[in-house]
Protein backbone atom coordinates (compact mmCIF):
# COMPACT_ATOMS: atom_id res chain seq x y z
CA MET A 1 -57.44 48.03 56.98
CA LYS A 2 -54.82 45.70 58.55
CA GLN A 3 -54.25 47.87 61.69
CA ALA A 4 -51.88 45.17 62.96
CA TYR A 5 -49.60 45.94 65.98
CA LYS A 6 -47.10 44.05 68.03
CA THR A 7 -47.86 43.35 71.52
CA GLU A 8 -45.25 43.53 74.44
CA ALA A 9 -44.65 39.70 74.16
CA GLY A 10 -43.67 40.40 70.43
CA ILE A 11 -46.98 38.67 68.97
CA TRP A 12 -48.57 40.51 66.03
CA GLN A 13 -52.50 41.17 66.65
CA ILE A 14 -55.25 42.80 64.99
CA ARG A 15 -58.42 44.23 66.52
CA LEU A 16 -61.50 42.71 65.02
CA GLY A 17 -64.80 44.14 66.78
CA ASP A 18 -64.27 43.99 70.56
CA SER A 19 -61.45 41.46 70.69
CA ASN A 20 -57.88 41.05 69.75
CA VAL A 21 -56.80 38.25 67.49
CA ASN A 22 -53.41 36.91 66.52
CA TYR A 23 -52.31 38.10 63.14
CA ASP A 24 -49.91 36.67 60.49
CA HIS A 25 -48.65 38.85 57.65
CA ASN A 26 -48.81 35.74 55.33
CA PHE A 27 -52.61 35.75 55.95
CA ASN A 28 -54.88 36.63 53.02
CA PHE A 29 -58.69 36.51 53.01
CA PHE A 30 -60.64 35.71 49.73
CA MET A 31 -64.29 36.05 49.49
CA THR A 32 -66.39 34.94 46.59
CA THR A 33 -69.94 35.72 45.27
CA LYS A 34 -72.13 34.40 42.62
CA MET A 35 -73.49 37.75 41.84
CA PRO A 36 -72.89 38.50 38.18
CA ASN A 37 -71.86 42.10 38.79
CA PRO A 38 -71.42 42.93 42.44
CA HIS A 39 -71.80 46.47 43.48
CA TYR A 40 -70.16 47.54 46.87
CA ILE A 41 -69.90 50.86 48.39
CA PRO A 42 -66.96 53.11 47.63
CA GLU A 43 -65.59 52.75 51.36
CA ILE A 44 -65.45 48.83 50.69
CA CYS A 45 -63.93 49.14 47.13
CA ILE A 46 -60.97 51.10 48.32
CA LYS A 47 -59.99 48.45 50.80
CA VAL A 48 -60.37 45.29 48.62
CA THR A 49 -59.18 44.23 45.34
CA LEU A 50 -62.08 43.02 43.15
CA ILE A 51 -61.42 40.41 40.52
CA ASN A 52 -64.01 39.70 37.93
CA PHE A 53 -63.84 36.25 36.47
CA THR A 54 -66.89 36.45 34.46
CA VAL A 55 -66.50 35.31 30.96
CA THR A 56 -67.59 37.76 28.12
CA PHE A 57 -68.64 36.87 24.71
CA GLU A 58 -65.81 38.75 23.03
CA GLY A 59 -63.12 37.31 25.65
CA LEU A 60 -64.24 33.74 25.16
CA GLN A 61 -64.22 34.22 21.38
CA GLN A 62 -60.73 35.38 21.36
CA GLN A 63 -59.60 32.47 23.56
CA LEU A 64 -61.43 30.05 21.26
CA LEU A 65 -59.72 31.76 18.30
CA GLY A 66 -56.43 31.23 19.65
CA ASP A 67 -57.14 27.60 20.35
CA VAL A 68 -58.49 26.94 16.77
CA VAL A 69 -55.58 28.58 15.20
CA ILE A 70 -53.17 26.47 17.56
CA ALA A 71 -54.84 23.25 16.56
CA GLU A 72 -55.09 24.17 12.71
CA LYS A 73 -51.82 26.50 12.01
CA PRO A 74 -49.66 26.40 15.12
CA GLU A 75 -46.91 28.13 13.16
CA THR A 76 -49.24 31.29 12.96
CA GLU A 77 -49.74 31.35 16.73
CA ARG A 78 -46.27 30.94 17.38
CA ALA A 79 -45.42 33.59 15.00
CA LYS A 80 -47.96 35.96 16.72
CA ASP A 81 -46.50 35.17 20.08
CA LYS A 82 -42.92 35.79 19.03
CA ILE A 83 -44.11 39.22 17.49
CA VAL A 84 -45.89 40.20 20.60
CA LEU A 85 -42.59 39.24 22.62
CA GLN A 86 -40.20 41.09 20.28
CA MET A 87 -42.42 44.33 20.22
CA ALA A 88 -42.48 44.37 23.99
CA ALA A 89 -38.85 43.93 24.29
CA ASP A 90 -38.06 46.51 21.61
CA SER A 91 -40.30 49.04 23.33
CA LYS A 92 -38.51 48.30 26.56
CA THR A 93 -35.21 48.91 25.06
CA LEU A 94 -36.43 52.13 23.36
CA LYS A 95 -37.59 53.34 26.77
CA GLU A 96 -34.15 52.42 28.42
CA ILE A 97 -32.35 54.34 25.70
CA GLU A 98 -34.67 57.35 26.20
CA ASN A 99 -34.16 57.21 30.11
CA LYS A 100 -30.29 56.81 29.58
CA ILE A 101 -29.93 59.95 27.22
CA LEU A 102 -32.13 62.02 29.59
CA SER A 103 -30.20 61.11 32.60
CA LEU A 104 -26.97 61.94 30.81
CA LEU A 105 -28.25 65.28 29.71
CA ALA A 106 -29.55 66.04 33.12
CA SER A 107 -26.52 65.12 34.89
CA ALA A 108 -24.04 67.06 32.34
CA THR A 109 -23.28 70.68 32.47
CA THR A 110 -23.45 72.87 29.34
CA ILE A 111 -19.56 72.61 28.77
CA GLU A 112 -19.67 68.83 29.38
CA ILE A 113 -22.47 68.56 26.72
CA LEU A 114 -20.60 70.34 24.27
CA ASP A 115 -17.20 68.85 24.98
CA ALA A 116 -18.15 65.34 25.89
CA ASP A 117 -17.45 62.84 22.99
CA THR A 118 -19.08 60.13 25.23
CA LEU A 119 -22.45 61.80 25.17
CA ILE A 120 -22.17 62.17 21.38
CA ASP A 121 -21.20 58.47 20.99
CA ILE A 122 -24.21 57.50 23.13
CA LEU A 123 -26.46 59.38 20.98
CA LYS A 124 -25.10 57.96 17.76
CA ALA A 125 -25.27 54.37 18.94
CA SER A 126 -28.82 55.10 20.38
CA LYS A 127 -29.97 56.51 16.99
CA ILE A 128 -28.69 53.34 15.20
CA THR A 129 -30.33 51.12 17.68
CA THR A 130 -33.49 53.04 17.52
CA ASN A 131 -33.64 52.97 13.63
CA GLU A 132 -33.06 49.03 13.81
CA ILE A 133 -35.98 48.71 16.42
CA ASN A 134 -38.21 50.98 14.33
CA GLY A 135 -37.42 48.86 11.12
CA ARG A 136 -38.24 45.77 13.09
CA MET A 137 -41.38 47.00 14.40
CA ALA A 138 -42.57 48.19 10.97
CA ASP A 139 -41.83 44.56 9.79
CA ALA A 140 -43.80 43.03 12.67
CA LYS A 141 -46.76 45.19 12.11
CA VAL A 142 -46.93 44.01 8.49
CA LEU A 143 -46.48 40.47 9.61
CA GLU A 144 -49.07 41.00 12.27
CA VAL A 145 -51.54 42.14 9.73
CA GLU A 146 -50.94 38.78 7.78
CA ILE A 147 -51.39 36.70 11.01
CA ASN A 148 -54.59 38.50 11.79
CA ASP A 149 -55.99 37.76 8.36
CA THR A 150 -55.23 34.08 8.95
CA ARG A 151 -56.70 34.16 12.21
CA ASN A 152 -59.92 35.94 10.82
CA MET A 153 -60.42 32.82 8.61
CA TYR A 154 -61.18 30.82 11.74
CA SER A 155 -63.31 33.70 13.52
CA SER A 156 -66.50 31.98 12.45
CA VAL A 157 -65.65 28.73 14.31
CA ALA A 158 -64.74 31.10 17.53
CA VAL A 159 -68.12 32.74 17.31
CA ARG A 160 -70.15 29.54 17.13
CA GLY A 161 -68.13 28.15 20.03
CA SER A 162 -68.98 31.21 22.16
CA ILE A 163 -72.63 31.10 21.11
CA LEU A 164 -72.92 27.31 22.22
CA TYR A 165 -71.14 28.10 25.53
CA PHE A 166 -73.68 30.78 26.45
CA VAL A 167 -76.54 29.07 25.26
CA ILE A 168 -75.67 25.98 27.43
CA ALA A 169 -74.89 28.22 30.36
CA ASP A 170 -78.42 29.86 30.17
CA LEU A 171 -80.02 26.53 30.03
CA GLY A 172 -80.01 26.56 33.74
CA GLY A 173 -82.38 29.62 33.69
CA ILE A 174 -84.86 27.66 31.70
CA ASP A 175 -85.05 24.68 33.95
CA PRO A 176 -82.77 23.74 36.81
CA MET A 177 -82.63 20.26 35.51
CA TYR A 178 -80.17 21.53 32.96
C-alpha cells in the first residue's frame, strides 16, 4: 500500500511488520511465479499489477504469421504497419476536431454562434478534413482486406509452427529428460 512517510530527519521510511525500513520512491518490487494461471484473493489483486506472459496458441500463431510474411513478402507487412499507423493518426485527428468543435460551441453564446464567422469557418474546414480522413480510412480498409488475404496464404505455416512449439513445450511433462 506504500504507506511511506518522512521522518523528522527527512528520511523516507515505510512500516513493514514491526519495523521501519528506509524507503526510496524509485524502488519497485517484482515477483514471478511458474504457476500457469495464478489466482490471488481480491485484496491482493487490487494492490498489485498482474502481467501474464503466458503464450497462447493464437497469440503465437499471429506472431509467427507476422514473421513469415516479413520473410516472404516484407512489402506486405510494411503496408500493414503503415495502414495501422495511418488509421490511428486519422482517428486521433477526428477526435481532436470533435473536441475543438465541442469546446468552441460550449464556450460561445447563442449570439456568438449565429454571428461568428470563425466558428462557421472551423466547421467547414473540419468537414473537409473529416471527408478526407473518411476517404483514406475507406481506402485503408480495402487495402487491409487485400493484405489479410495475402497473410492468410501463410497461415498454415504459422499454425504448424505453433503446434511444434506447444508439442516441444509439453515434452517436459512426458519425461523430465526432455
